[in-house]
Amino acid sequence: DIAVLASGDIVLSKSIKVAGNYLNDECQKFIRSQYGLEVGSKTAESIKVNVGSLTKYPDERRMKVYGRDVVSGLPREIEITPEEVREVLKVPVSRIIDLTVQVLEETPPELAGDIFRNGITICGGGALIRGIDKYFADTLQLPTKVGEQPLLAVINGTKKFESEI
């Protein structure tokens, strides 16, 4: 979900079906097509978390991945690089950025200055992908930060809203 908030209210919001599980699915598809290896969703999640990034970072390491060969049906091992995972993740994340641009284009002009000054905050599981804030900042040319406790942002926001009623 992408939303513009002002004075505690949602001014504008749009949704896209690109989230953590979708990114995992994209990793699975890539490994199958590139290496002929079937991996499970837990392995794909592990790849995303352990070597996934949107920008280069220090101490990047390859990851050994185990799965079932699609031709022989036998177990097999491959090594996947951070660069490969980065390219896989950039495609769906670019869809999120496209929607963000669309929301920004529809944002009332009075709020555009606030967004330019204060930037955007990324929340949810996707916010944990290394370099997502830098990738958004570079692409959108706006200050970008990862929210405090991004996995709990919706819950904490709801608690705050409920306490004000």
Protein backbone atom coordinates (compact mmCIF):
# COMPACT_ATOMS: atom_id res chain seq x y z
CA ASP A 1 0.00 0.00 0.00
CA ILE A 2 1.14 3.50 -0.77
CA ALA A 3 -0.49 6.37 1.07
CA VAL A 4 -0.14 10.07 1.65
CA LEU A 5 -0.95 10.95 5.25
CA ALA A 6 -1.65 14.42 6.62
CA SER A 7 -2.82 15.37 10.11
CA GLY A 8 -3.37 11.71 10.93
CA ASP A 9 -5.69 11.09 7.98
CA ILE A 10 -5.21 9.25 4.71
CA VAL A 11 -5.34 11.83 1.93
CA LEU A 12 -4.66 9.41 -0.93
CA SER A 13 -3.83 5.71 -1.17
CA LYS A 14 -3.35 3.01 -3.76
CA SER A 15 -2.54 -0.70 -3.55
CA ILE A 16 -0.52 -3.13 -5.59
CA LYS A 17 -0.19 -6.88 -5.14
CA VAL A 18 3.59 -6.83 -4.78
CA ALA A 19 4.78 -7.82 -1.32
CA GLY A 20 7.05 -10.28 0.46
CA ASN A 21 5.50 -13.47 -0.89
CA TYR A 22 5.52 -12.06 -4.41
CA LEU A 23 9.23 -11.29 -4.10
CA ASN A 24 9.81 -14.84 -2.84
CA ASP A 25 7.90 -16.22 -5.84
CA GLU A 26 10.08 -14.16 -8.19
CA CYS A 27 13.21 -15.64 -6.57
CA GLN A 28 11.80 -19.15 -7.04
CA LYS A 29 10.98 -18.50 -10.72
CA PHE A 30 14.45 -17.09 -11.35
CA ILE A 31 16.24 -20.08 -9.81
CA ARG A 32 14.07 -22.49 -11.75
CA SER A 33 14.62 -20.74 -15.09
CA GLN A 34 18.30 -19.86 -14.58
CA TYR A 35 19.51 -23.01 -12.82
CA GLY A 36 16.81 -25.63 -13.45
CA LEU A 37 16.37 -26.01 -9.71
CA GLU A 38 13.12 -26.15 -7.74
CA VAL A 39 13.32 -24.49 -4.33
CA GLY A 40 10.66 -24.10 -1.68
CA SER A 41 9.13 -20.90 -0.41
CA LYS A 42 11.18 -21.02 2.82
CA THR A 43 14.39 -21.22 0.78
CA ALA A 44 13.26 -18.31 -1.39
CA GLU A 45 12.50 -16.27 1.74
CA SER A 46 15.93 -17.12 3.12
CA ILE A 47 17.57 -15.98 -0.12
CA LYS A 48 15.67 -12.67 -0.03
CA VAL A 49 16.55 -12.04 3.62
CA ASN A 50 20.18 -13.21 3.57
CA VAL A 51 21.51 -11.98 0.22
CA GLY A 52 18.71 -9.79 -1.11
CA SER A 53 19.42 -6.10 -1.58
CA LEU A 54 18.62 -3.26 -3.92
CA THR A 55 22.04 -1.63 -3.67
CA LYS A 56 25.54 -3.02 -3.30
CA TYR A 57 26.63 -3.40 0.32
CA PRO A 58 29.90 -4.28 2.07
CA ASP A 59 30.73 -7.93 2.68
CA GLU A 60 28.34 -9.31 0.08
CA ARG A 61 28.44 -13.09 0.05
CA ARG A 62 27.17 -15.81 -2.18
CA MET A 63 24.65 -18.25 -0.77
CA LYS A 64 24.49 -22.00 -1.24
CA VAL A 65 21.00 -23.04 -2.25
CA TYR A 66 19.70 -26.60 -2.19
CA GLY A 67 16.77 -27.88 -4.16
CA ARG A 68 15.52 -30.50 -6.62
CA ASP A 69 16.82 -30.61 -10.18
CA VAL A 70 13.86 -30.15 -12.54
CA VAL A 71 15.22 -32.65 -15.07
CA SER A 72 16.68 -35.46 -12.97
CA GLY A 73 14.51 -34.97 -9.88
CA LEU A 74 17.62 -35.39 -7.72
CA PRO A 75 18.81 -33.02 -4.99
CA ARG A 76 21.34 -30.45 -6.17
CA GLU A 77 23.24 -27.43 -4.87
CA ILE A 78 23.91 -24.08 -6.55
CA GLU A 79 25.44 -20.81 -5.44
CA ILE A 80 23.50 -17.62 -5.96
CA THR A 81 25.06 -14.16 -5.91
CA PRO A 82 23.75 -10.94 -4.39
CA GLU A 83 23.89 -9.37 -7.88
CA GLU A 84 21.48 -12.01 -9.23
CA VAL A 85 19.03 -11.52 -6.37
CA ARG A 86 19.30 -7.74 -6.72
CA GLU A 87 18.27 -7.93 -10.38
CA VAL A 88 15.35 -10.22 -9.50
CA LEU A 89 14.09 -7.88 -6.77
CA LYS A 90 14.46 -4.69 -8.83
CA VAL A 91 11.73 -5.72 -11.28
CA PRO A 92 8.86 -6.00 -8.77
CA VAL A 93 10.19 -3.09 -6.68
CA SER A 94 10.13 -0.93 -9.82
CA ARG A 95 6.36 -1.59 -9.95
CA ILE A 96 6.09 -0.24 -6.40
CA ILE A 97 8.09 2.81 -7.40
CA ASP A 98 5.86 3.35 -10.45
CA LEU A 99 2.79 3.32 -8.19
CA THR A 100 4.53 5.67 -5.76
CA VAL A 101 5.11 8.12 -8.62
CA GLN A 102 1.45 7.83 -9.58
CA VAL A 103 0.38 8.61 -6.00
CA LEU A 104 2.79 11.55 -5.83
CA GLU A 105 1.41 12.92 -9.12
CA GLU A 106 -2.12 12.82 -7.66
CA THR A 107 -1.11 14.33 -4.31
CA PRO A 108 -2.60 17.76 -3.59
CA PRO A 109 -0.03 20.49 -4.31
CA GLU A 110 -0.17 21.79 -0.72
CA LEU A 111 1.26 18.49 0.49
CA ALA A 112 3.92 18.17 -2.21
CA GLY A 113 6.19 20.62 -0.37
CA ASP A 114 5.84 18.65 2.85
CA ILE A 115 6.76 15.45 1.04
CA PHE A 116 9.73 17.16 -0.62
CA ARG A 117 10.96 18.45 2.76
CA ASN A 118 10.10 15.49 4.97
CA GLY A 119 10.44 12.67 2.44
CA ILE A 120 8.80 9.29 2.45
CA THR A 121 8.85 6.46 4.98
CA ILE A 122 8.93 2.82 3.97
CA CYS A 123 7.19 0.31 6.27
CA GLY A 124 6.34 -3.38 6.22
CA GLY A 125 8.49 -6.41 5.51
CA GLY A 126 9.81 -4.98 2.25
CA ALA A 127 11.44 -2.19 4.27
CA LEU A 128 13.88 -4.79 5.59
CA ILE A 129 15.43 -5.38 2.15
CA ARG A 130 18.93 -3.95 2.31
CA GLY A 131 19.28 -0.66 0.48
CA ILE A 132 15.58 -0.12 -0.24
CA ASP A 133 15.71 3.38 1.25
CA LYS A 134 18.71 4.38 -0.87
CA TYR A 135 17.13 2.83 -3.98
CA PHE A 136 13.90 4.79 -3.46
CA ALA A 137 15.80 8.01 -2.66
CA ASP A 138 17.98 7.70 -5.77
CA THR A 139 15.05 6.80 -8.02
CA LEU A 140 12.50 9.31 -6.71
CA GLN A 141 14.99 12.05 -5.77
CA LEU A 142 13.23 12.40 -2.41
CA PRO A 143 14.50 11.90 1.13
CA THR A 144 13.59 8.35 2.11
CA LYS A 145 13.86 6.45 5.37
CA VAL A 146 12.83 3.11 6.76
CA GLY A 147 10.24 3.50 9.48
CA GLU A 148 10.99 2.68 13.07
CA GLN A 149 9.92 -0.94 13.65
CA PRO A 150 8.71 -1.32 10.04
CA LEU A 151 7.05 -4.70 10.68
CA LEU A 152 4.92 -3.20 13.44
CA ALA A 153 4.06 0.10 11.73
CA VAL A 154 0.43 -0.77 11.00
CA ILE A 155 -0.16 -2.21 14.47
CA ASN A 156 1.50 0.74 16.20
CA GLY A 157 -0.43 3.22 14.05
CA THR A 158 -3.69 1.47 14.87
CA LYS A 159 -2.86 1.48 18.60
CA LYS A 160 -2.10 5.20 18.45
CA PHE A 161 -5.30 5.89 16.51
CA GLU A 162 -7.40 3.84 18.96
CA SER A 163 -5.89 5.63 21.96
CA GLU A 164 -6.89 9.01 20.51
CA ILE A 165 -10.56 8.05 20.11
